[in-house]
Amino acid sequence: MGSALPLGDPAPRDGLLPASAAVGAAGRDFGVYLHVPFCRVRCGYCDFNTYTATELRGASQHDYAGQAISEVEAAGRILTLSGVPAREAATVFFGGGTPTLLPADDLVRMLQAVRSTWGIAPDAEVTTEANPDSVDAAYLARLAESGFTRVSFGMQSAVPSVLATLERTHDPERVPLVVQWAREAGLDVSLDLIYGTPGETLANWRTSLEHAIRQAPTHISAYSLIVEEGTKLARQIKRGELASVDDDVQAEFYELADDLLSRAGYSWYEVSNWATDHAHRSRHNLAYWRSQDWWGVGPGAHSHIGGVRWWNVKHPSAYGDRIRAGDSPAAGRETLDAATQEVERVLLLTRIREGIRIDSLGPLGRREVAGLIADELIDARAALSGSVELTRRGRLLADAVVRRLVAD
């Protein structure tokens, strides 16, 4: 049911933000993330804050849209009272869980609340995640006509045995169908893949990549499977029922993805993400990597405004209690100091293709650049132009690159 919430200071009951959150806000993009914490079944590898019907303990999927709308409306008031200037939402993202377990009209109502509270920019990116078996053509058409622009399908794999290990419920042959329906509705399509599942071979992974590429989505994400403590998958590996995949094999999976996607016309723009062109990058996720502002709605959702970060109570039942009482659902928060913000800035910007400007690094970080070039972790030509940009080897060792750039 999700990893533990981070430690932090108690969040005020009224949710008001410190004056520092408003500084420079007019120059930052604003996005909205709406967390829908419901899943039909719990996948063995999943560590997200999600709940099946038997885990809701009195919370109701039927009531959820109204609760999320109440938080959106309260968020508008809180930002105004905190002196944060009003900004239209540049991006809106429905994640989960499986947002499309809710009726399409519930998602439409939640989006309308965002529109009524802040406005939505004319060119905004509005995305929902979906499982291939959670939507039909009519559902996708309803989203498109209400202002959604993009759908991200959790394909994960095209190999039945891999899907079975991940405990995914959809038939891989349904993926072409839902992609066609989304495209007919006028929605942009992204496919999410996972590699490194126990028992998955390089040939299996090639099959999944080729299947995804044949659908011609404009965006593909490929994430290495992380075995999180406390998940069913972690217990299976600990008991010896499944074998974990070592780092060298994970690197082979990544290199194959980059090779096949590059040949098919996709360009990487973040370590785990490829798009057909600049216009089809995930603008919402780029806002995270560029430390822009966003309000996270729903149980366990995280928010960030001007260096102030907070997170909501985890369980849908506790979340509903807070909303009904008229209190902020925030469980805790922290105001990032300058040193923490700098480490996060380097960590996040280094992961994207444009990288980070060398002259924005500290003296010790700038001193590391020559060694990183020698180790073939960053691109020499880009460095001569003033930017740290990861090579493919650097993408595989991105954490090590960051550690050297923020050395003190």
Protein backbone atom coordinates (compact mmCIF):
# COMPACT_ATOMS: atom_id res chain seq x y z
CA MET A 1 0.00 0.00 0.00
CA GLY A 2 2.86 2.34 -0.71
CA SER A 3 6.10 3.23 1.00
CA ALA A 4 6.16 5.25 4.19
CA LEU A 5 5.68 8.98 4.01
CA PRO A 6 8.87 11.03 4.50
CA LEU A 7 9.72 12.66 7.76
CA GLY A 8 9.09 16.38 8.01
CA ASP A 9 7.55 19.13 10.05
CA PRO A 10 3.86 18.99 10.93
CA ALA A 11 1.75 20.67 8.26
CA PRO A 12 -0.55 23.47 9.50
CA ARG A 13 -4.21 22.57 9.69
CA ASP A 14 -5.16 25.45 7.40
CA GLY A 15 -2.54 24.47 4.79
CA LEU A 16 -1.20 28.02 4.42
CA LEU A 17 2.29 28.32 2.96
CA PRO A 18 5.18 30.48 4.17
CA ALA A 19 5.86 33.76 2.38
CA SER A 20 8.94 32.24 0.70
CA ALA A 21 6.69 30.03 -1.48
CA ALA A 22 5.42 33.09 -3.36
CA VAL A 23 8.87 34.46 -4.24
CA GLY A 24 9.43 34.17 -7.99
CA ALA A 25 6.26 32.17 -8.50
CA ALA A 26 5.13 34.28 -11.47
CA GLY A 27 8.18 33.04 -13.37
CA ARG A 28 7.52 29.36 -12.73
CA ASP A 29 5.11 27.00 -14.47
CA PHE A 30 2.24 25.56 -12.43
CA GLY A 31 0.90 22.05 -12.82
CA VAL A 32 -1.68 19.89 -11.08
CA TYR A 33 -1.30 16.21 -10.25
CA LEU A 34 -4.44 14.26 -9.28
CA HIS A 35 -3.78 10.92 -7.61
CA VAL A 36 -6.45 8.26 -8.00
CA PRO A 37 -5.38 5.57 -5.51
CA PHE A 38 -7.51 2.64 -6.71
CA CYS A 39 -6.50 -0.57 -8.46
CA ARG A 40 -8.49 -3.65 -9.41
CA VAL A 41 -5.66 -5.91 -8.20
CA ARG A 42 -2.34 -5.25 -6.49
CA CYS A 43 0.65 -6.00 -8.74
CA GLY A 44 3.39 -7.80 -6.84
CA TYR A 45 6.09 -5.26 -7.72
CA CYS A 46 4.07 -2.12 -6.95
CA ASP A 47 5.09 0.19 -4.11
CA PHE A 48 2.78 3.07 -5.05
CA ASN A 49 0.12 4.38 -2.70
CA THR A 50 -2.73 2.33 -4.14
CA TYR A 51 -5.60 0.28 -2.72
CA THR A 52 -7.81 -2.54 -3.90
CA ALA A 53 -11.47 -2.76 -2.87
CA THR A 54 -10.64 -4.93 0.16
CA GLU A 55 -8.10 -2.39 1.47
CA LEU A 56 -10.28 0.73 1.51
CA ARG A 57 -11.49 0.36 5.14
CA GLY A 58 -14.63 2.43 4.69
CA ALA A 59 -13.40 4.73 1.93
CA SER A 60 -15.46 4.76 -1.25
CA GLN A 61 -14.43 5.09 -4.87
CA HIS A 62 -17.86 6.60 -5.47
CA ASP A 63 -17.09 9.53 -3.13
CA TYR A 64 -13.58 10.13 -4.32
CA ALA A 65 -14.09 12.62 -7.16
CA GLY A 66 -16.05 14.92 -4.86
CA GLN A 67 -13.29 14.77 -2.23
CA ALA A 68 -10.58 15.55 -4.79
CA ILE A 69 -12.65 18.46 -6.10
CA SER A 70 -12.91 19.81 -2.55
CA GLU A 71 -9.12 19.71 -2.23
CA VAL A 72 -8.71 21.51 -5.58
CA GLU A 73 -11.07 24.26 -4.46
CA ALA A 74 -9.31 24.55 -1.08
CA ALA A 75 -5.94 24.66 -2.85
CA GLY A 76 -7.05 27.69 -4.85
CA ARG A 77 -7.99 29.50 -1.65
CA ILE A 78 -4.78 28.48 0.13
CA LEU A 79 -2.54 29.74 -2.67
CA THR A 80 -4.40 33.05 -2.80
CA LEU A 81 -4.24 33.54 0.99
CA SER A 82 -0.53 32.59 0.92
CA GLY A 83 0.18 35.35 -1.60
CA VAL A 84 1.07 32.99 -4.45
CA PRO A 85 0.04 34.68 -7.72
CA ALA A 86 -2.68 33.00 -9.74
CA ARG A 87 -1.42 30.97 -12.70
CA GLU A 88 -3.20 28.81 -15.22
CA ALA A 89 -2.35 25.13 -15.10
CA ALA A 90 0.20 24.43 -17.83
CA THR A 91 -0.12 20.68 -17.27
CA VAL A 92 -2.61 18.39 -15.54
CA PHE A 93 -1.79 14.75 -14.84
CA PHE A 94 -4.09 12.01 -13.49
CA GLY A 95 -1.97 9.22 -12.02
CA GLY A 96 -2.42 6.30 -9.71
CA GLY A 97 -3.29 3.61 -9.18
CA THR A 98 -5.56 3.36 -12.16
CA PRO A 99 -7.40 6.65 -12.71
CA THR A 100 -9.57 5.05 -15.38
CA LEU A 101 -11.17 2.71 -12.82
CA LEU A 102 -13.34 5.73 -12.04
CA PRO A 103 -16.15 6.61 -14.44
CA ALA A 104 -15.00 8.96 -17.20
CA ASP A 105 -17.40 11.59 -15.90
CA ASP A 106 -15.58 11.59 -12.55
CA LEU A 107 -12.29 12.44 -14.25
CA VAL A 108 -14.09 15.10 -16.31
CA ARG A 109 -15.54 16.65 -13.13
CA MET A 110 -12.11 16.74 -11.51
CA LEU A 111 -10.60 18.38 -14.58
CA GLN A 112 -13.41 20.93 -14.63
CA ALA A 113 -12.61 21.79 -11.00
CA VAL A 114 -9.01 22.54 -12.02
CA ARG A 115 -10.33 24.69 -14.86
CA SER A 116 -12.74 26.56 -12.57
CA THR A 117 -10.14 27.11 -9.85
CA TRP A 118 -7.05 28.15 -11.81
CA GLY A 119 -7.90 28.01 -15.48
CA ILE A 120 -6.11 25.72 -17.91
CA ALA A 121 -3.69 27.19 -20.45
CA PRO A 122 -4.92 26.97 -24.06
CA ASP A 123 -1.98 24.75 -25.01
CA ALA A 124 -2.00 22.73 -21.77
CA GLU A 125 -1.01 19.07 -21.68
CA VAL A 126 -3.72 17.04 -19.91
CA THR A 127 -2.80 13.39 -19.34
CA THR A 128 -4.30 10.36 -17.70
CA GLU A 129 -2.65 7.05 -17.01
CA ALA A 130 -4.69 3.99 -17.98
CA ASN A 131 -4.40 0.24 -18.03
CA PRO A 132 -5.16 -1.29 -21.44
CA ASP A 133 -8.07 -3.26 -19.93
CA SER A 134 -9.60 -0.28 -18.09
CA VAL A 135 -10.92 1.76 -21.05
CA ASP A 136 -12.96 1.42 -24.21
CA ALA A 137 -13.47 3.67 -27.23
CA ALA A 138 -16.39 5.56 -25.68
CA TYR A 139 -14.45 6.23 -22.47
CA LEU A 140 -11.47 7.67 -24.35
CA ALA A 141 -13.73 9.77 -26.59
CA ARG A 142 -15.40 11.25 -23.49
CA LEU A 143 -12.03 12.27 -22.08
CA ALA A 144 -10.91 13.82 -25.34
CA GLU A 145 -14.05 15.89 -25.78
CA SER A 146 -13.69 17.27 -22.23
CA GLY A 147 -10.14 18.56 -22.67
CA PHE A 148 -7.79 15.62 -22.13
CA THR A 149 -4.98 15.65 -24.69
CA ARG A 150 -2.90 12.59 -23.83
CA VAL A 151 -3.15 9.06 -22.44
CA SER A 152 -0.30 6.98 -21.02
CA PHE A 153 -0.99 3.25 -21.21
CA GLY A 154 0.71 0.89 -18.76
CA MET A 155 1.74 -1.70 -21.32
CA GLN A 156 4.79 -2.91 -19.30
CA SER A 157 5.47 -5.94 -21.55
CA ALA A 158 4.16 -7.78 -24.60
CA VAL A 159 5.22 -11.18 -23.25
CA PRO A 160 2.52 -13.08 -21.32
CA SER A 161 4.97 -14.80 -18.96
CA VAL A 162 6.52 -11.45 -18.00
CA LEU A 163 3.10 -9.90 -17.47
CA ALA A 164 2.18 -12.88 -15.29
CA THR A 165 5.26 -12.38 -13.10
CA LEU A 166 4.36 -8.70 -12.75
CA GLU A 167 0.73 -9.76 -12.09
CA ARG A 168 -0.56 -7.47 -14.81
CA THR A 169 -4.07 -8.44 -15.91
CA HIS A 170 -4.30 -7.25 -19.52
CA ASP A 171 -3.83 -9.23 -22.70
CA PRO A 172 -0.90 -7.75 -24.71
CA GLU A 173 -3.00 -8.06 -27.85
CA ARG A 174 -5.35 -5.41 -26.44
CA VAL A 175 -2.65 -2.73 -26.64
CA PRO A 176 -3.02 -2.08 -30.42
CA LEU A 177 -6.77 -1.77 -29.93
CA VAL A 178 -6.63 0.83 -27.16
CA VAL A 179 -3.95 2.79 -29.00
CA GLN A 180 -6.20 2.87 -32.07
CA TRP A 181 -9.18 4.04 -29.99
CA ALA A 182 -7.12 6.78 -28.35
CA ARG A 183 -5.78 7.96 -31.68
CA GLU A 184 -9.29 8.01 -33.20
CA ALA A 185 -10.41 10.14 -30.25
CA GLY A 186 -7.61 12.60 -30.99
CA LEU A 187 -5.47 11.75 -27.96
CA ASP A 188 -1.70 11.66 -27.99
CA VAL A 189 -0.41 8.24 -26.85
CA SER A 190 2.45 7.18 -24.60
CA LEU A 191 3.34 3.59 -23.73
CA ASP A 192 5.04 2.66 -20.46
CA LEU A 193 7.36 -0.36 -20.38
CA ILE A 194 9.25 -2.11 -17.55
CA TYR A 195 12.42 -4.12 -18.05
CA GLY A 196 14.36 -6.41 -15.73
CA THR A 197 11.47 -8.55 -14.52
CA PRO A 198 12.73 -11.81 -12.93
CA GLY A 199 12.90 -14.45 -15.66
CA GLU A 200 12.74 -11.91 -18.51
CA THR A 201 15.27 -12.54 -21.29
CA LEU A 202 16.82 -10.08 -23.68
CA ALA A 203 14.71 -11.69 -26.42
CA ASN A 204 11.56 -11.09 -24.33
CA TRP A 205 12.52 -7.45 -23.93
CA ARG A 206 13.16 -7.09 -27.67
CA THR A 207 9.68 -8.50 -28.32
CA SER A 208 8.11 -5.90 -26.01
CA LEU A 209 10.04 -3.02 -27.52
CA GLU A 210 9.20 -4.05 -31.09
CA HIS A 211 5.54 -4.48 -30.17
CA ALA A 212 5.47 -0.98 -28.64
CA ILE A 213 7.24 0.58 -31.61
CA ARG A 214 4.76 -1.01 -34.05
CA GLN A 215 1.97 0.94 -32.36
CA ALA A 216 3.75 4.20 -33.31
CA PRO A 217 3.08 6.09 -30.07
CA THR A 218 4.67 9.53 -29.88
CA HIS A 219 6.24 8.76 -26.49
CA ILE A 220 7.69 5.66 -24.82
CA SER A 221 8.91 5.29 -21.24
CA ALA A 222 11.15 2.36 -20.29
CA TYR A 223 11.77 1.93 -16.58
CA SER A 224 14.07 -0.51 -14.87
CA LEU A 225 12.15 -2.66 -12.40
CA ILE A 226 13.04 -1.62 -8.87
CA VAL A 227 12.38 -4.30 -6.27
CA GLU A 228 10.98 -2.37 -3.33
CA GLU A 229 11.13 -3.68 0.22
CA GLY A 230 7.77 -4.79 1.52
CA THR A 231 6.35 -5.82 -1.86
CA LYS A 232 5.25 -9.33 -2.75
CA LEU A 233 7.97 -9.45 -5.43
CA ALA A 234 10.67 -8.65 -2.86
CA ARG A 235 9.42 -11.48 -0.66
CA GLN A 236 9.40 -13.91 -3.60
CA ILE A 237 13.01 -13.03 -4.43
CA LYS A 238 14.06 -13.30 -0.79
CA ARG A 239 12.53 -16.77 -0.57
CA GLY A 240 14.36 -17.81 -3.75
CA GLU A 241 11.15 -18.28 -5.75
CA LEU A 242 12.31 -15.70 -8.31
CA ALA A 243 15.80 -14.61 -9.32
CA SER A 244 16.71 -10.94 -9.29
CA VAL A 245 18.31 -9.33 -12.36
CA ASP A 246 21.83 -8.01 -11.85
CA ASP A 247 23.04 -4.55 -12.85
CA ASP A 248 25.00 -5.72 -15.90
CA VAL A 249 21.92 -7.39 -17.38
CA GLN A 250 19.83 -4.31 -16.60
CA ALA A 251 22.40 -2.27 -18.56
CA GLU A 252 22.01 -4.62 -21.54
CA PHE A 253 18.23 -4.13 -21.43
CA TYR A 254 18.67 -0.35 -21.40
CA GLU A 255 21.16 -0.36 -24.27
CA LEU A 256 18.83 -2.49 -26.38
CA ALA A 257 15.97 -0.08 -25.69
CA ASP A 258 18.06 2.91 -26.69
CA ASP A 259 19.27 1.17 -29.87
CA LEU A 260 15.82 0.07 -31.05
CA LEU A 261 14.05 3.29 -30.11
CA SER A 262 16.72 5.44 -31.74
CA ARG A 263 16.50 3.45 -34.96
CA ALA A 264 12.71 3.86 -34.90
CA GLY A 265 12.98 7.65 -34.73
CA TYR A 266 12.67 8.23 -30.99
CA SER A 267 15.10 10.47 -29.12
CA TRP A 268 15.86 10.22 -25.42
CA TYR A 269 15.11 13.39 -23.48
CA GLU A 270 15.31 11.99 -19.94
CA VAL A 271 17.14 8.89 -18.80
CA SER A 272 14.01 6.68 -19.00
CA ASN A 273 11.96 8.54 -21.60
CA TRP A 274 11.97 8.83 -25.39
CA ALA A 275 9.77 10.91 -27.73
CA THR A 276 9.35 11.29 -31.47
CA ASP A 277 10.08 15.01 -31.21
CA HIS A 278 10.35 17.89 -28.77
CA ALA A 279 6.61 18.59 -28.90
CA HIS A 280 5.75 15.13 -27.61
CA ARG A 281 7.92 15.09 -24.52
CA SER A 282 5.97 14.78 -21.28
CA ARG A 283 5.72 18.41 -20.22
CA HIS A 284 4.30 17.46 -16.83
CA ASN A 285 7.26 15.26 -15.96
CA LEU A 286 9.69 17.85 -17.30
CA ALA A 287 8.17 20.30 -14.83
CA TYR A 288 9.18 17.94 -12.02
CA TRP A 289 12.72 17.62 -13.33
CA ARG A 290 12.98 21.40 -13.69
CA SER A 291 11.69 22.01 -10.13
CA GLN A 292 8.63 23.95 -11.24
CA ASP A 293 5.50 24.28 -9.06
CA TRP A 294 2.72 21.71 -8.75
CA TRP A 295 -0.13 20.91 -6.43
CA GLY A 296 -0.68 17.20 -5.76
CA VAL A 297 -4.28 16.23 -5.01
CA GLY A 298 -5.29 13.02 -3.26
CA PRO A 299 -4.07 10.49 -0.67
CA GLY A 300 -0.29 10.43 -0.39
CA ALA A 301 0.12 13.03 -3.16
CA HIS A 302 3.18 15.28 -2.97
CA SER A 303 3.23 19.00 -3.83
CA HIS A 304 5.95 21.59 -4.38
CA ILE A 305 5.60 25.36 -4.47
CA GLY A 306 8.69 27.57 -4.39
CA GLY A 307 10.92 25.27 -2.35
CA VAL A 308 8.14 24.20 0.03
CA ARG A 309 7.27 20.52 -0.29
CA TRP A 310 4.43 18.68 1.43
CA TRP A 311 2.59 15.38 1.28
CA ASN A 312 -0.93 14.28 2.08
CA VAL A 313 -2.08 11.58 4.47
CA LYS A 314 -1.80 8.20 2.79
CA HIS A 315 -5.00 6.26 3.29
CA PRO A 316 -8.15 7.24 1.35
CA SER A 317 -10.17 6.92 4.56
CA ALA A 318 -7.94 9.37 6.48
CA TYR A 319 -7.90 11.65 3.45
CA GLY A 320 -11.71 11.67 3.29
CA ASP A 321 -11.93 12.45 7.01
CA ARG A 322 -9.67 15.49 6.59
CA ILE A 323 -11.61 16.75 3.59
CA ARG A 324 -14.99 16.36 5.29
CA ALA A 325 -13.68 18.24 8.35
CA GLY A 326 -12.53 21.14 6.16
CA ASP A 327 -8.91 20.59 7.15
CA SER A 328 -5.85 20.41 4.92
CA PRO A 329 -5.07 16.77 4.07
CA ALA A 330 -1.35 17.51 4.35
CA ALA A 331 0.44 15.19 6.78
CA GLY A 332 3.82 16.92 6.80
CA ARG A 333 6.01 19.35 4.94
CA GLU A 334 9.49 20.75 4.64
CA THR A 335 11.01 23.98 3.41
CA LEU A 336 14.13 23.12 1.45
CA ASP A 337 17.28 25.00 2.37
CA ALA A 338 19.57 26.38 -0.32
CA ALA A 339 22.00 23.46 -0.13
CA THR A 340 19.24 20.86 -0.55
CA GLN A 341 17.68 22.78 -3.43
CA GLU A 342 21.06 22.89 -5.17
CA VAL A 343 21.63 19.14 -4.82
CA GLU A 344 18.14 18.46 -6.17
CA ARG A 345 18.63 20.91 -9.03
CA VAL A 346 21.79 19.12 -10.14
CA LEU A 347 20.24 15.68 -9.61
CA LEU A 348 17.17 16.46 -11.71
CA LEU A 349 18.64 18.60 -14.49
CA THR A 350 21.49 16.16 -15.09
CA ARG A 351 18.92 13.48 -16.04
CA ILE A 352 17.46 15.42 -18.97
CA ARG A 353 19.03 15.69 -22.40
CA GLU A 354 19.85 19.40 -22.24
CA GLY A 355 21.66 18.76 -18.99
CA ILE A 356 22.91 21.49 -16.72
CA ARG A 357 25.06 24.54 -17.43
CA ILE A 358 28.63 24.09 -16.23
CA ASP A 359 28.83 27.70 -15.07
CA SER A 360 25.88 27.06 -12.73
CA LEU A 361 27.81 24.37 -10.82
CA GLY A 362 29.91 24.97 -7.74
CA PRO A 363 33.72 25.18 -8.02
CA LEU A 364 34.25 21.51 -7.12
CA GLY A 365 31.57 20.38 -9.54
CA ARG A 366 33.13 22.40 -12.36
CA ARG A 367 36.47 20.79 -11.54
CA GLU A 368 34.95 17.32 -12.08
CA VAL A 369 33.91 18.02 -15.67
CA ALA A 370 37.24 17.09 -17.25
CA GLY A 371 37.32 13.77 -15.42
CA LEU A 372 33.74 12.99 -16.40
CA ILE A 373 34.66 13.61 -20.05
CA ALA A 374 37.69 11.33 -19.70
CA ASP A 375 35.49 8.63 -18.19
CA GLU A 376 33.09 9.01 -21.14
CA LEU A 377 30.20 9.87 -18.82
CA ILE A 378 29.43 13.27 -20.32
CA ASP A 379 29.56 14.51 -23.89
CA ALA A 380 32.81 16.34 -24.71
CA ARG A 381 31.33 18.53 -27.46
CA ALA A 382 28.46 19.64 -25.23
CA ALA A 383 30.92 20.41 -22.44
CA LEU A 384 32.88 22.67 -24.77
CA SER A 385 29.60 24.52 -25.39
CA GLY A 386 29.10 24.88 -21.64
CA SER A 387 26.72 22.05 -20.74
CA VAL A 388 26.95 18.77 -18.86
CA GLU A 389 25.06 16.28 -21.06
CA LEU A 390 25.12 12.57 -20.32
CA THR A 391 26.48 10.04 -22.79
CA ARG A 392 24.70 6.70 -22.92
CA ARG A 393 27.27 5.31 -20.50
CA GLY A 394 26.58 8.35 -18.33
CA ARG A 395 22.87 7.62 -18.38
CA LEU A 396 23.58 4.16 -17.01
CA LEU A 397 25.68 5.73 -14.24
CA ALA A 398 23.70 8.94 -13.74
CA ASP A 399 23.72 8.72 -9.95
CA ALA A 400 27.51 8.48 -9.91
CA VAL A 401 27.76 11.53 -12.20
CA VAL A 402 25.55 13.54 -9.86
CA ARG A 403 27.60 12.55 -6.82
CA ARG A 404 30.73 13.94 -8.49
CA LEU A 405 29.02 17.15 -9.57
CA VAL A 406 27.77 17.95 -6.07
CA ALA A 407 30.94 16.93 -4.25
CA ASP A 408 31.82 19.32 -1.45
